[in-house]
């Protein structure tokens, strides 16, 4: 499996599953379009080198483009399409490092995305017993509250744009809050007024609520 190759490449570095991978583990039916992980800021360079050493291909182009735009540089229509895609995913691209799996792995179309933990505002666990996570070897799956809080923090900062902003909204509101039937007050204890303002607005908490 692609996930096993990724875990082996990173070992023994700890990584937090994020995005579709983390949401799916919580019971939300979702298609894993990419494998997203949170790495400690201090270990990002080591993680990147581990992927290089394992034969993963560094993806210098945008998250939203399946192929390197350089391969279609002679086609102005396709080039313009890739340029629009890059603009739409710019706020993800500038905060992540991306790879595709090794060409001979059978999963070469799969994408790996690494975020430094400071970007998603989530601290790495120091032991497998950390109640915020479910541990599987060196991979940690966040429970619903820390994952939702992490996404909400990103959105509350107002620095996500385009397709990335839209995808984060889907994850937080449609998938986590909606599909898992979370309580309206799920984030009330976070102590951050900006997060609560963003979340309460999105779920229409004081405006009749959302249909779920």
C-alpha atoms as a PDB file:
ATOM      1  CA  UNK A   1       0.000   0.000   0.000  1.00  0.00           C
ATOM      2  CA  UNK A   2       1.041   3.579  -0.641  1.00  0.00           C
ATOM      3  CA  UNK A   3       0.657   4.433   3.035  1.00  0.00           C
ATOM      4  CA  UNK A   4       3.079   1.703   4.075  1.00  0.00           C
ATOM      5  CA  UNK A   5       5.709   3.020   1.660  1.00  0.00           C
ATOM      6  CA  UNK A   6       5.291   6.490   3.118  1.00  0.00           C
ATOM      7  CA  UNK A   7       5.541   5.281   6.720  1.00  0.00           C
ATOM      8  CA  UNK A   8       8.652   3.273   5.918  1.00  0.00           C
ATOM      9  CA  UNK A   9      10.268   6.234   4.185  1.00  0.00           C
ATOM     10  CA  UNK A  10       9.660   8.471   7.202  1.00  0.00           C
ATOM     11  CA  UNK A  11      10.572   5.960   9.908  1.00  0.00           C
ATOM     12  CA  UNK A  12      11.487   6.595  12.670  1.00  0.00           C
ATOM     13  CA  UNK A  13      10.294  10.201  12.395  1.00  0.00           C
ATOM     14  CA  UNK A  14       6.861  10.832  13.872  1.00  0.00           C
ATOM     15  CA  UNK A  15       4.169  12.234  11.606  1.00  0.00           C
ATOM     16  CA  UNK A  16       0.569  13.303  12.175  1.00  0.00           C
ATOM     17  CA  UNK A  17      -1.952  12.209   9.552  1.00  0.00           C
ATOM     18  CA  UNK A  18      -3.965  15.171   8.317  1.00  0.00           C
ATOM     19  CA  UNK A  19      -6.625  15.966   5.714  1.00  0.00           C
ATOM     20  CA  UNK A  20      -8.521  13.134   4.000  1.00  0.00           C
ATOM     21  CA  UNK A  21      -6.410  10.427   5.635  1.00  0.00           C
ATOM     22  CA  UNK A  22      -7.194  11.642   9.149  1.00  0.00           C
ATOM     23  CA  UNK A  23     -10.853  12.335   8.387  1.00  0.00           C
ATOM     24  CA  UNK A  24     -11.373   8.874   6.919  1.00  0.00           C
ATOM     25  CA  UNK A  25      -9.981   7.234  10.038  1.00  0.00           C
ATOM     26  CA  UNK A  26     -12.668   9.050  12.066  1.00  0.00           C
ATOM     27  CA  UNK A  27     -15.386   7.293  10.070  1.00  0.00           C
ATOM     28  CA  UNK A  28     -16.204   9.814   7.364  1.00  0.00           C
ATOM     29  CA  UNK A  29     -16.518   8.164   3.917  1.00  0.00           C
ATOM     30  CA  UNK A  30     -13.970  10.040   1.847  1.00  0.00           C
ATOM     31  CA  UNK A  31     -11.639   9.398  -1.047  1.00  0.00           C
ATOM     32  CA  UNK A  32      -7.961   9.864  -0.208  1.00  0.00           C
ATOM     33  CA  UNK A  33      -6.845  12.208  -2.961  1.00  0.00           C
ATOM     34  CA  UNK A  34      -3.502  12.907  -1.325  1.00  0.00           C
ATOM     35  CA  UNK A  35      -1.566  11.822   1.741  1.00  0.00           C
ATOM     36  CA  UNK A  36      -1.077  14.799   4.045  1.00  0.00           C
ATOM     37  CA  UNK A  37       1.189  14.744   7.085  1.00  0.00           C
ATOM     38  CA  UNK A  38       2.301  17.153   9.774  1.00  0.00           C
ATOM     39  CA  UNK A  39       6.004  17.049  10.620  1.00  0.00           C
ATOM     40  CA  UNK A  40       7.780  18.808  13.483  1.00  0.00           C
ATOM     41  CA  UNK A  41       9.330  22.042  12.223  1.00  0.00           C
ATOM     42  CA  UNK A  42      12.736  20.908  13.454  1.00  0.00           C
ATOM     43  CA  UNK A  43      12.478  17.648  11.480  1.00  0.00           C
ATOM     44  CA  UNK A  44      11.130  18.935   8.159  1.00  0.00           C
ATOM     45  CA  UNK A  45      14.521  18.928   6.438  1.00  0.00           C
ATOM     46  CA  UNK A  46      15.217  15.394   7.631  1.00  0.00           C
ATOM     47  CA  UNK A  47      11.790  14.217   6.449  1.00  0.00           C
ATOM     48  CA  UNK A  48      12.340  15.765   3.020  1.00  0.00           C
ATOM     49  CA  UNK A  49      15.723  14.072   2.728  1.00  0.00           C
ATOM     50  CA  UNK A  50      14.209  10.730   3.727  1.00  0.00           C
ATOM     51  CA  UNK A  51      11.711  10.961   0.892  1.00  0.00           C
ATOM     52  CA  UNK A  52      14.457  11.838  -1.572  1.00  0.00           C
ATOM     53  CA  UNK A  53      16.516   8.864  -0.357  1.00  0.00           C
ATOM     54  CA  UNK A  54      13.509   6.535  -0.744  1.00  0.00           C
ATOM     55  CA  UNK A  55      13.040   7.513  -4.386  1.00  0.00           C
ATOM     56  CA  UNK A  56      10.055   9.821  -3.995  1.00  0.00           C
ATOM     57  CA  UNK A  57       9.883  12.564  -6.631  1.00  0.00           C
ATOM     58  CA  UNK A  58       9.880  16.147  -5.387  1.00  0.00           C
ATOM     59  CA  UNK A  59       6.876  17.957  -6.821  1.00  0.00           C
ATOM     60  CA  UNK A  60       7.932  21.537  -7.501  1.00  0.00           C
ATOM     61  CA  UNK A  61       4.663  22.459  -9.203  1.00  0.00           C
ATOM     62  CA  UNK A  62       1.258  23.166  -7.645  1.00  0.00           C
ATOM     63  CA  UNK A  63      -0.736  20.754  -5.518  1.00  0.00           C
ATOM     64  CA  UNK A  64      -3.653  21.181  -7.903  1.00  0.00           C
ATOM     65  CA  UNK A  65      -1.804  20.045 -11.037  1.00  0.00           C
ATOM     66  CA  UNK A  66      -1.383  16.325 -11.626  1.00  0.00           C
ATOM     67  CA  UNK A  67       1.488  16.790 -14.089  1.00  0.00           C
ATOM     68  CA  UNK A  68       4.427  19.155 -14.311  1.00  0.00           C
ATOM     69  CA  UNK A  69       3.268  22.219 -16.300  1.00  0.00           C
ATOM     70  CA  UNK A  70       6.646  22.195 -18.061  1.00  0.00           C
ATOM     71  CA  UNK A  71       5.478  19.117 -19.976  1.00  0.00           C
ATOM     72  CA  UNK A  72       2.716  21.168 -21.634  1.00  0.00           C
ATOM     73  CA  UNK A  73       4.586  24.463 -21.951  1.00  0.00           C
ATOM     74  CA  UNK A  74       4.046  24.415 -25.714  1.00  0.00           C
ATOM     75  CA  UNK A  75       0.267  24.386 -25.328  1.00  0.00           C
ATOM     76  CA  UNK A  76      -0.947  27.863 -24.319  1.00  0.00           C
ATOM     77  CA  UNK A  77      -4.418  26.636 -23.333  1.00  0.00           C
ATOM     78  CA  UNK A  78      -3.086  23.977 -20.971  1.00  0.00           C
ATOM     79  CA  UNK A  79      -0.427  26.340 -19.674  1.00  0.00           C
ATOM     80  CA  UNK A  80      -3.081  28.916 -18.803  1.00  0.00           C
ATOM     81  CA  UNK A  81      -5.114  26.218 -17.062  1.00  0.00           C
ATOM     82  CA  UNK A  82      -2.118  25.240 -14.926  1.00  0.00           C
ATOM     83  CA  UNK A  83      -1.439  28.903 -14.119  1.00  0.00           C
ATOM     84  CA  UNK A  84      -5.015  29.345 -12.877  1.00  0.00           C
ATOM     85  CA  UNK A  85      -4.707  26.180 -10.829  1.00  0.00           C
ATOM     86  CA  UNK A  86      -1.475  27.375  -9.232  1.00  0.00           C
ATOM     87  CA  UNK A  87      -3.111  30.670  -8.269  1.00  0.00           C
ATOM     88  CA  UNK A  88      -6.066  28.883  -6.714  1.00  0.00           C
ATOM     89  CA  UNK A  89      -3.868  26.600  -4.592  1.00  0.00           C
ATOM     90  CA  UNK A  90      -1.151  29.145  -3.806  1.00  0.00           C
ATOM     91  CA  UNK A  91      -1.859  29.354  -0.071  1.00  0.00           C
ATOM     92  CA  UNK A  92      -1.354  25.589   0.278  1.00  0.00           C
ATOM     93  CA  UNK A  93       1.646  25.453  -2.043  1.00  0.00           C
ATOM     94  CA  UNK A  94       3.663  28.086  -0.207  1.00  0.00           C
ATOM     95  CA  UNK A  95       3.313  26.296   3.147  1.00  0.00           C
ATOM     96  CA  UNK A  96       3.964  22.717   2.064  1.00  0.00           C
ATOM     97  CA  UNK A  97       6.499  20.391   0.483  1.00  0.00           C
ATOM     98  CA  UNK A  98       5.064  17.876  -1.967  1.00  0.00           C
ATOM     99  CA  UNK A  99       6.174  14.567  -3.470  1.00  0.00           C
ATOM    100  CA  UNK A 100       4.861  11.846  -5.722  1.00  0.00           C
ATOM    101  CA  UNK A 101       5.593   8.227  -4.859  1.00  0.00           C
ATOM    102  CA  UNK A 102       8.491   6.425  -6.568  1.00  0.00           C
ATOM    103  CA  UNK A 103       7.882   5.742 -10.286  1.00  0.00           C
ATOM    104  CA  UNK A 104       8.202   1.961  -9.865  1.00  0.00           C
ATOM    105  CA  UNK A 105       6.014   1.751  -6.748  1.00  0.00           C
ATOM    106  CA  UNK A 106       2.711   1.229  -8.513  1.00  0.00           C
ATOM    107  CA  UNK A 107       1.433   4.396  -6.830  1.00  0.00           C
ATOM    108  CA  UNK A 108       3.311   7.012  -8.846  1.00  0.00           C
ATOM    109  CA  UNK A 109       0.151   9.112  -9.252  1.00  0.00           C
ATOM    110  CA  UNK A 110      -0.301   9.431  -5.487  1.00  0.00           C
ATOM    111  CA  UNK A 111       0.745  12.698  -3.884  1.00  0.00           C
ATOM    112  CA  UNK A 112       2.345  13.271  -0.483  1.00  0.00           C
ATOM    113  CA  UNK A 113       2.047  16.656   1.214  1.00  0.00           C
ATOM    114  CA  UNK A 114       4.172  17.653   4.213  1.00  0.00           C
ATOM    115  CA  UNK A 115       3.223  20.563   6.458  1.00  0.00           C
ATOM    116  CA  UNK A 116       5.425  21.961   9.238  1.00  0.00           C
ATOM    117  CA  UNK A 117       3.547  21.707  12.503  1.00  0.00           C
ATOM    118  CA  UNK A 118       3.679  25.467  13.047  1.00  0.00           C
ATOM    119  CA  UNK A 119       1.515  25.973   9.950  1.00  0.00           C
ATOM    120  CA  UNK A 120      -1.370  23.812  11.164  1.00  0.00           C
ATOM    121  CA  UNK A 121      -0.732  24.799  14.808  1.00  0.00           C
ATOM    122  CA  UNK A 122      -0.592  21.218  16.079  1.00  0.00           C
ATOM    123  CA  UNK A 123       2.102  19.846  18.375  1.00  0.00           C
ATOM    124  CA  UNK A 124       3.607  16.419  17.766  1.00  0.00           C
ATOM    125  CA  UNK A 125       2.943  13.787  20.448  1.00  0.00           C
ATOM    126  CA  UNK A 126       5.801  12.746  22.690  1.00  0.00           C
ATOM    127  CA  UNK A 127       4.406   9.266  23.349  1.00  0.00           C
ATOM    128  CA  UNK A 128       1.941   6.777  21.901  1.00  0.00           C
ATOM    129  CA  UNK A 129      -0.299   7.308  24.934  1.00  0.00           C
ATOM    130  CA  UNK A 130      -1.134  10.914  24.018  1.00  0.00           C
ATOM    131  CA  UNK A 131      -4.971  10.990  24.209  1.00  0.00           C
ATOM    132  CA  UNK A 132      -5.183  13.418  21.288  1.00  0.00           C
ATOM    133  CA  UNK A 133      -4.058  10.705  18.881  1.00  0.00           C
ATOM    134  CA  UNK A 134      -4.375   7.092  17.835  1.00  0.00           C
ATOM    135  CA  UNK A 135      -0.862   5.765  17.252  1.00  0.00           C
ATOM    136  CA  UNK A 136       0.167   3.293  14.549  1.00  0.00           C
ATOM    137  CA  UNK A 137       3.941   2.886  14.598  1.00  0.00           C
ATOM    138  CA  UNK A 138       5.381   6.321  13.769  1.00  0.00           C
ATOM    139  CA  UNK A 139       2.065   7.628  12.412  1.00  0.00           C
ATOM    140  CA  UNK A 140      -0.429   9.445  14.635  1.00  0.00           C
ATOM    141  CA  UNK A 141      -4.087   9.921  13.722  1.00  0.00           C
ATOM    142  CA  UNK A 142      -5.703  12.888  15.501  1.00  0.00           C
ATOM    143  CA  UNK A 143      -8.986  12.511  17.313  1.00  0.00           C
ATOM    144  CA  UNK A 144     -11.828  14.673  16.063  1.00  0.00           C
ATOM    145  CA  UNK A 145     -11.412  17.658  18.409  1.00  0.00           C
ATOM    146  CA  UNK A 146      -7.707  18.413  17.740  1.00  0.00           C
ATOM    147  CA  UNK A 147      -8.224  17.902  13.998  1.00  0.00           C
ATOM    148  CA  UNK A 148     -11.224  20.230  13.848  1.00  0.00           C
ATOM    149  CA  UNK A 149      -9.456  22.794  16.019  1.00  0.00           C
ATOM    150  CA  UNK A 150      -6.390  22.701  13.764  1.00  0.00           C
ATOM    151  CA  UNK A 151      -8.459  23.333  10.627  1.00  0.00           C
ATOM    152  CA  UNK A 152     -10.486  26.044  12.349  1.00  0.00           C
ATOM    153  CA  UNK A 153      -7.300  27.805  13.477  1.00  0.00           C
ATOM    154  CA  UNK A 154      -6.076  27.925   9.884  1.00  0.00           C
ATOM    155  CA  UNK A 155      -9.341  29.360   8.646  1.00  0.00           C
ATOM    156  CA  UNK A 156      -9.682  31.858  11.474  1.00  0.00           C
ATOM    157  CA  UNK A 157      -6.319  33.396  10.559  1.00  0.00           C
ATOM    158  CA  UNK A 158      -7.837  34.504   7.248  1.00  0.00           C
ATOM    159  CA  UNK A 159      -4.756  33.474   5.282  1.00  0.00           C
ATOM    160  CA  UNK A 160      -6.244  30.613   3.243  1.00  0.00           C
ATOM    161  CA  UNK A 161      -7.588  31.403  -0.204  1.00  0.00           C
ATOM    162  CA  UNK A 162      -9.081  29.830  -3.310  1.00  0.00           C
ATOM    163  CA  UNK A 163      -9.511  26.074  -3.565  1.00  0.00           C
ATOM    164  CA  UNK A 164      -7.561  25.483  -0.362  1.00  0.00           C
ATOM    165  CA  UNK A 165      -9.954  27.619   1.664  1.00  0.00           C
ATOM    166  CA  UNK A 166     -12.907  25.796   0.124  1.00  0.00           C
ATOM    167  CA  UNK A 167     -11.465  22.355   0.838  1.00  0.00           C
ATOM    168  CA  UNK A 168     -10.773  23.236   4.468  1.00  0.00           C
ATOM    169  CA  UNK A 169     -14.389  24.398   4.828  1.00  0.00           C
ATOM    170  CA  UNK A 170     -15.631  21.080   3.459  1.00  0.00           C
ATOM    171  CA  UNK A 171     -13.423  19.121   5.845  1.00  0.00           C
ATOM    172  CA  UNK A 172     -14.393  21.115   8.926  1.00  0.00           C
ATOM    173  CA  UNK A 173     -18.074  21.800   8.341  1.00  0.00           C
ATOM    174  CA  UNK A 174     -19.418  19.190   5.918  1.00  0.00           C
ATOM    175  CA  UNK A 175     -17.327  16.199   6.979  1.00  0.00           C
ATOM    176  CA  UNK A 176     -16.454  16.659  10.651  1.00  0.00           C
ATOM    177  CA  UNK A 177     -19.279  18.821  12.000  1.00  0.00           C
ATOM    178  CA  UNK A 178     -21.944  17.569   9.602  1.00  0.00           C
ATOM    179  CA  UNK A 179     -21.246  13.897   9.000  1.00  0.00           C
ATOM    180  CA  UNK A 180     -20.097  13.157  12.548  1.00  0.00           C
ATOM    181  CA  UNK A 181     -22.958  15.199  14.052  1.00  0.00           C
ATOM    182  CA  UNK A 182     -20.705  17.192  16.339  1.00  0.00           C
ATOM    183  CA  UNK A 183     -22.310  19.459  18.914  1.00  0.00           C
ATOM    184  CA  UNK A 184     -22.507  23.169  18.172  1.00  0.00           C
ATOM    185  CA  UNK A 185     -20.388  23.840  21.256  1.00  0.00           C
ATOM    186  CA  UNK A 186     -17.609  21.408  20.281  1.00  0.00           C
ATOM    187  CA  UNK A 187     -15.009  24.200  20.120  1.00  0.00           C
ATOM    188  CA  UNK A 188     -16.302  26.353  22.977  1.00  0.00           C
ATOM    189  CA  UNK A 189     -13.454  25.309  25.264  1.00  0.00           C
ATOM    190  CA  UNK A 190     -10.703  26.333  22.813  1.00  0.00           C
ATOM    191  CA  UNK A 191     -10.417  29.788  24.383  1.00  0.00           C
ATOM    192  CA  UNK A 192      -9.868  31.522  21.036  1.00  0.00           C
ATOM    193  CA  UNK A 193     -12.460  34.114  20.077  1.00  0.00           C
ATOM    194  CA  UNK A 194     -11.400  34.160  16.415  1.00  0.00           C
ATOM    195  CA  UNK A 195     -11.842  30.395  16.067  1.00  0.00           C
ATOM    196  CA  UNK A 196     -15.264  30.519  17.714  1.00  0.00           C
ATOM    197  CA  UNK A 197     -16.355  33.426  15.535  1.00  0.00           C
ATOM    198  CA  UNK A 198     -15.335  31.586  12.371  1.00  0.00           C
ATOM    199  CA  UNK A 199     -16.907  28.280  13.414  1.00  0.00           C
ATOM    200  CA  UNK A 200     -20.154  29.752  14.746  1.00  0.00           C
ATOM    201  CA  UNK A 201     -20.591  31.751  11.549  1.00  0.00           C
ATOM    202  CA  UNK A 202     -19.999  28.721   9.338  1.00  0.00           C
ATOM    203  CA  UNK A 203     -22.471  26.515  11.216  1.00  0.00           C
ATOM    204  CA  UNK A 204     -24.996  29.386  11.497  1.00  0.00           C
ATOM    205  CA  UNK A 205     -25.105  28.672  15.214  1.00  0.00           C
ATOM    206  CA  UNK A 206     -27.184  31.701  16.133  1.00  0.00           C
ATOM    207  CA  UNK A 207     -29.062  31.924  12.839  1.00  0.00           C
ATOM    208  CA  UNK A 208     -31.133  28.772  12.890  1.00  0.00           C
ATOM    209  CA  UNK A 209     -28.296  26.312  12.278  1.00  0.00           C
ATOM    210  CA  UNK A 210     -27.385  24.129   9.319  1.00  0.00           C
ATOM    211  CA  UNK A 211     -29.386  21.178   8.035  1.00  0.00           C
ATOM    212  CA  UNK A 212     -27.457  17.952   8.590  1.00  0.00           C
END
